[in-house]
Amino acid sequence: MNRGRFIVFEGIDGAGKTTQVRLLAQRLEAMGKKVAVTAEPTELPSGKALREVLGGKVKKSDCEIALMFTLDRVAHNVDKDCGIEKLLSEGTYIICDRYYYSTLAYQGSLIDYGWVKNLNAGCPEIRHPDICLFLDLTPEESMKRISIGRESTEIYENTETLTRVRSSFMSVIADMRATDKIEIIDASADIETVAERIFEAVSSVL
């Protein structure tokens, strides 16, 4: 059986990741690929605990949050029932909404970047993806999209934070391109155009 592919979507909140993940999954399935859509934080116990923190219900330090993300990511990779490694070995194409690039951009901009990077990119049980697609959008447009149909926001969803994080993402991309395949996709276009740009990029690893 051919090994699957591991495709990661990144971007600041509101960039359209959820929609584009769905569209790419549908397109790959139409090609006869077995597809699994996943996200971080995960639905595993480690991810659920992390969501409590991101929702503001539990207070943790930036170092604690970075460690919680890493713990959840390791579990995401090695879980015996639904882990990334298991699914890839079965020929499944995995599409993941957020991965270690987010941790490097968010927590890595608040505490020591080298430490956060080593926790993730240097961990033998955290797989590097076949391709990462960064959906790029201005923080102002992001906040407009977030405000539509949302009753609440998470702790990182404000223009000041998103501006800092977008800048941090660009630094992370420049750094991680030494080892990872990363494509920047302009997410300001209409949904169909963005989807085509994404598929063109993904075609290089199929």
Protein backbone atom coordinates (compact mmCIF):
# COMPACT_ATOMS: atom_id res chain seq x y z
CA MET A 1 0.00 0.00 0.00
CA ASN A 2 1.30 3.46 -0.92
CA ARG A 3 1.97 5.75 2.01
CA GLY A 4 -0.39 8.70 2.43
CA ARG A 5 0.49 12.38 2.48
CA PHE A 6 0.47 14.83 5.36
CA ILE A 7 -0.84 18.27 4.35
CA VAL A 8 -0.98 21.16 6.83
CA PHE A 9 -2.96 24.41 6.60
CA GLU A 10 -1.78 27.46 8.53
CA GLY A 11 -2.73 31.13 8.74
CA ILE A 12 -3.98 33.71 11.18
CA ASP A 13 -7.56 33.30 12.40
CA GLY A 14 -10.16 34.14 9.78
CA ALA A 15 -7.95 33.28 6.78
CA GLY A 16 -10.41 30.65 5.54
CA LYS A 17 -8.64 27.48 6.59
CA THR A 18 -11.82 25.59 7.52
CA THR A 19 -13.43 26.20 4.12
CA GLN A 20 -10.30 25.38 2.13
CA VAL A 21 -9.58 22.24 4.14
CA ARG A 22 -13.07 21.00 3.28
CA LEU A 23 -12.72 21.83 -0.42
CA LEU A 24 -9.33 20.13 -0.72
CA ALA A 25 -10.64 17.03 1.08
CA GLN A 26 -13.54 16.82 -1.36
CA ARG A 27 -11.23 17.18 -4.34
CA LEU A 28 -8.83 14.50 -3.16
CA GLU A 29 -11.71 12.14 -2.41
CA ALA A 30 -13.03 12.71 -5.93
CA MET A 31 -9.61 11.53 -7.14
CA GLY A 32 -10.08 8.30 -5.23
CA LYS A 33 -7.86 9.17 -2.26
CA LYS A 34 -8.69 8.09 1.26
CA VAL A 35 -8.79 11.35 3.25
CA ALA A 36 -8.82 12.19 6.96
CA VAL A 37 -9.34 15.77 8.19
CA THR A 38 -7.88 16.65 11.55
CA ALA A 39 -6.93 19.75 13.53
CA GLU A 40 -4.91 21.02 16.43
CA PRO A 41 -5.72 21.26 19.24
CA THR A 42 -6.97 17.70 18.80
CA GLU A 43 -10.03 15.97 20.22
CA LEU A 44 -7.74 13.82 22.38
CA PRO A 45 -7.66 14.51 26.15
CA SER A 46 -4.52 16.63 25.72
CA GLY A 47 -6.27 18.77 23.11
CA LYS A 48 -9.43 19.20 25.13
CA ALA A 49 -7.38 20.47 28.08
CA LEU A 50 -5.66 22.93 25.75
CA ARG A 51 -8.97 24.22 24.41
CA GLU A 52 -9.98 25.10 27.96
CA VAL A 53 -6.90 27.35 28.15
CA LEU A 54 -7.39 28.93 24.71
CA GLY A 55 -11.02 29.67 25.57
CA GLY A 56 -9.86 31.58 28.63
CA LYS A 57 -11.45 29.18 31.12
CA VAL A 58 -8.11 28.06 32.59
CA LYS A 59 -5.08 30.31 33.06
CA LYS A 60 -1.63 29.03 32.10
CA SER A 61 1.74 30.69 31.46
CA ASP A 62 3.11 30.98 27.93
CA CYS A 63 5.67 28.25 28.66
CA GLU A 64 2.94 25.96 29.96
CA ILE A 65 0.83 26.59 26.85
CA ALA A 66 3.81 25.81 24.58
CA LEU A 67 4.36 22.53 26.42
CA MET A 68 0.66 21.67 26.24
CA PHE A 69 0.67 22.21 22.48
CA THR A 70 3.72 19.98 22.14
CA LEU A 71 2.19 17.25 24.28
CA ASP A 72 -0.99 17.33 22.20
CA ARG A 73 1.07 17.22 18.98
CA VAL A 74 3.00 14.15 20.08
CA ALA A 75 -0.28 12.44 20.98
CA HIS A 76 -1.66 13.47 17.59
CA ASN A 77 1.25 11.71 15.88
CA VAL A 78 1.45 8.50 17.89
CA ASP A 79 -2.14 7.72 18.95
CA LYS A 80 -2.72 4.04 18.16
CA ASP A 81 -6.28 4.54 16.94
CA CYS A 82 -6.23 7.79 14.96
CA GLY A 83 -2.65 9.05 15.00
CA ILE A 84 -0.92 10.63 12.03
CA GLU A 85 1.63 7.82 11.69
CA LYS A 86 -1.04 5.12 11.74
CA LEU A 87 -3.17 6.84 9.09
CA LEU A 88 -0.23 7.57 6.79
CA SER A 89 0.88 3.94 6.94
CA GLU A 90 -2.62 2.95 5.80
CA GLY A 91 -2.37 5.18 2.72
CA THR A 92 -4.56 7.96 4.10
CA TYR A 93 -4.13 11.56 2.98
CA ILE A 94 -4.23 13.67 6.13
CA ILE A 95 -5.27 17.33 6.03
CA CYS A 96 -4.53 19.14 9.28
CA ASP A 97 -5.78 22.57 10.34
CA ARG A 98 -2.79 24.04 12.26
CA TYR A 99 0.42 22.33 13.31
CA TYR A 100 3.73 23.31 14.89
CA TYR A 101 4.08 26.46 12.77
CA SER A 102 1.27 27.99 14.84
CA THR A 103 3.06 27.19 18.07
CA LEU A 104 6.26 28.74 16.74
CA ALA A 105 4.38 31.85 15.61
CA TYR A 106 2.22 32.33 18.71
CA GLN A 107 4.21 31.02 21.68
CA GLY A 108 7.55 31.44 19.90
CA SER A 109 6.95 35.18 19.66
CA LEU A 110 6.25 35.44 23.40
CA ILE A 111 8.99 33.24 24.87
CA ASP A 112 12.32 31.85 23.64
CA TYR A 113 11.84 30.88 19.97
CA GLY A 114 14.74 28.43 19.92
CA TRP A 115 13.31 26.50 22.84
CA VAL A 116 9.84 26.26 21.29
CA LYS A 117 11.32 25.23 17.93
CA ASN A 118 13.44 22.48 19.47
CA LEU A 119 10.42 21.15 21.39
CA ASN A 120 8.60 20.66 18.10
CA ALA A 121 10.85 20.43 15.05
CA GLY A 122 13.47 18.60 17.09
CA CYS A 123 11.10 16.02 18.58
CA PRO A 124 11.52 12.55 16.98
CA GLU A 125 7.82 11.76 17.47
CA ILE A 126 6.58 14.91 15.68
CA ARG A 127 6.49 14.38 11.90
CA HIS A 128 7.33 17.14 9.43
CA PRO A 129 4.48 17.52 6.90
CA ASP A 130 4.83 16.85 3.17
CA ILE A 131 3.63 20.40 2.55
CA CYS A 132 2.40 23.36 4.57
CA LEU A 133 -0.02 25.85 2.99
CA PHE A 134 -0.01 29.26 4.67
CA LEU A 135 -3.18 31.20 3.85
CA ASP A 136 -2.11 34.83 4.00
CA LEU A 137 -4.61 37.54 4.94
CA THR A 138 -4.30 40.99 6.52
CA PRO A 139 -5.26 41.20 10.21
CA GLU A 140 -7.94 43.79 9.38
CA GLU A 141 -9.66 41.49 6.87
CA SER A 142 -9.24 38.60 9.29
CA MET A 143 -11.12 40.43 12.06
CA LYS A 144 -13.93 41.31 9.62
CA ARG A 145 -14.36 37.63 8.78
CA ILE A 146 -14.14 36.52 12.42
CA SER A 147 -16.86 38.99 13.47
CA ILE A 148 -19.37 37.50 11.01
CA GLY A 149 -21.46 34.81 12.66
CA ARG A 150 -19.35 34.53 15.81
CA GLU A 151 -20.73 35.09 19.30
CA SER A 152 -17.34 34.92 21.04
CA THR A 153 -13.64 35.09 20.25
CA GLU A 154 -10.58 33.31 21.63
CA ILE A 155 -7.79 34.98 23.56
CA TYR A 156 -5.62 35.57 20.46
CA GLU A 157 -8.39 37.01 18.25
CA ASN A 158 -7.78 40.76 18.17
CA THR A 159 -6.14 43.01 15.57
CA GLU A 160 -3.03 43.81 17.64
CA THR A 161 -2.28 40.16 18.34
CA LEU A 162 -3.05 39.05 14.79
CA THR A 163 -0.70 41.72 13.39
CA ARG A 164 2.11 40.48 15.61
CA VAL A 165 1.36 36.85 14.84
CA ARG A 166 1.23 37.38 11.05
CA SER A 167 4.67 39.00 11.24
CA SER A 168 5.87 36.12 13.40
CA PHE A 169 4.46 33.58 10.92
CA MET A 170 6.52 35.16 8.14
CA SER A 171 9.66 34.81 10.24
CA VAL A 172 8.77 31.20 11.03
CA ILE A 173 8.21 30.43 7.35
CA ALA A 174 11.56 31.96 6.39
CA ASP A 175 13.24 29.84 9.08
CA MET A 176 11.43 26.55 8.50
CA ARG A 177 11.77 26.61 4.70
CA ALA A 178 15.28 25.23 5.28
CA THR A 179 13.70 21.87 6.15
CA ASP A 180 9.99 22.05 5.24
CA LYS A 181 8.07 22.63 2.00
CA ILE A 182 5.92 25.72 2.63
CA GLU A 183 3.76 27.60 0.14
CA ILE A 184 2.22 31.04 0.83
CA ILE A 185 -1.28 31.36 -0.66
CA ASP A 186 -2.98 34.76 -1.04
CA ALA A 187 -6.26 34.18 0.82
CA SER A 188 -7.83 37.54 -0.10
CA ALA A 189 -9.18 36.24 -3.42
CA ASP A 190 -12.55 34.51 -3.87
CA ILE A 191 -12.97 30.99 -2.47
CA GLU A 192 -12.72 29.21 -5.83
CA THR A 193 -9.53 31.03 -6.85
CA VAL A 194 -7.87 30.27 -3.52
CA ALA A 195 -8.90 26.62 -3.83
CA GLU A 196 -7.27 26.37 -7.27
CA ARG A 197 -4.05 27.93 -5.98
CA ILE A 198 -4.02 25.44 -3.13
CA PHE A 199 -4.57 22.44 -5.37
CA GLU A 200 -1.81 23.56 -7.71
CA ALA A 201 0.59 23.69 -4.76
CA VAL A 202 -0.57 20.35 -3.33
CA SER A 203 -0.23 18.65 -6.73
CA SER A 204 3.55 18.85 -6.32
CA VAL A 205 3.46 16.27 -3.50
CA LEU A 206 0.71 13.94 -4.71
